Protein backbone atom coordinates (compact mmCIF):
# COMPACT_ATOMS: atom_id res chain seq x y z
CA MET A 1 -3.63 73.58 -29.22
CA ASP A 2 -5.89 72.29 -26.33
CA ARG A 3 -9.98 72.54 -26.63
CA LEU A 4 -11.18 72.95 -23.08
CA PHE A 5 -14.51 72.77 -21.63
CA ALA A 6 -15.75 74.33 -18.05
CA ASP A 7 -18.40 73.87 -16.03
CA LEU A 8 -19.40 76.67 -14.20
CA SER A 9 -21.78 77.53 -11.16
CA SER A 10 -22.15 80.39 -8.59
CA ASN A 11 -19.21 78.67 -6.72
CA ASN A 12 -16.91 80.32 -9.53
CA GLY A 13 -18.53 83.58 -9.10
CA ALA A 14 -19.88 86.24 -11.41
CA GLY A 15 -16.51 87.37 -12.44
CA ALA A 16 -15.15 83.60 -13.39
CA LEU A 17 -15.50 84.52 -17.12
CA ASN A 18 -12.91 86.66 -17.23
CA ALA A 19 -10.52 87.40 -20.23
CA PRO A 20 -7.51 84.63 -19.57
CA VAL A 21 -10.33 82.17 -19.56
CA TYR A 22 -11.48 82.90 -22.78
CA ALA A 23 -7.60 83.36 -24.02
CA LYS A 24 -7.29 79.44 -23.12
CA ASN A 25 -9.47 78.17 -26.23
CA HIS A 26 -12.42 77.45 -24.39
CA VAL A 27 -14.89 75.45 -26.78
CA LEU A 28 -17.99 74.84 -24.41
CA LEU A 29 -19.28 76.35 -21.01
CA ALA A 30 -21.58 74.32 -19.20
CA VAL A 31 -23.43 76.74 -16.53
CA LYS A 32 -25.49 75.33 -14.05
CA ALA A 33 -28.59 77.28 -13.93
CA THR A 34 -30.81 75.16 -11.18
CA GLN A 35 -30.16 72.69 -8.29
CA GLY A 36 -32.59 70.81 -6.57
CA THR A 37 -36.27 72.28 -5.89
CA GLY A 38 -35.14 75.89 -4.65
CA TYR A 39 -32.03 76.84 -5.79
CA THR A 40 -31.04 79.08 -8.62
CA ASN A 41 -27.58 80.22 -9.78
CA PRO A 42 -27.28 83.85 -9.00
CA ASP A 43 -24.58 84.34 -11.22
CA TRP A 44 -26.31 82.52 -14.02
CA ALA A 45 -27.30 85.41 -16.24
CA GLY A 46 -24.11 87.31 -16.10
CA GLN A 47 -21.77 84.18 -16.87
CA VAL A 48 -24.40 83.28 -19.71
CA GLN A 49 -23.93 87.12 -21.07
CA ALA A 50 -20.10 87.12 -20.87
CA ALA A 51 -20.09 83.39 -22.76
CA HIS A 52 -22.39 85.19 -25.43
CA ALA A 53 -20.15 88.26 -25.91
CA HIS A 54 -17.35 85.79 -26.57
CA HIS A 55 -19.26 83.61 -28.84
CA ILE A 56 -18.86 80.68 -26.88
CA PRO A 57 -21.36 77.80 -27.02
CA LEU A 58 -23.07 77.26 -23.57
CA LEU A 59 -24.63 74.17 -22.11
CA HIS A 60 -27.33 75.26 -19.16
CA TYR A 61 -28.06 72.38 -16.63
CA HIS A 62 -30.11 71.40 -13.84
CA TYR A 63 -28.13 69.70 -10.75
CA ALA A 64 -30.67 67.05 -9.30
């Protein structure tokens, strides 16, 4: 069984974390929260909530 890691941002959209993603044995999700001095991921909260609902550990990051 492969164990997968995904890196998500607003490029993936709010619906990126759907059932097929979780069915593929993801063990960690990294979600870009902010970038530079003026960007906040508008999908961050929804992506975080979906990961929590499926008990997938999260890594939040700032992209400089």
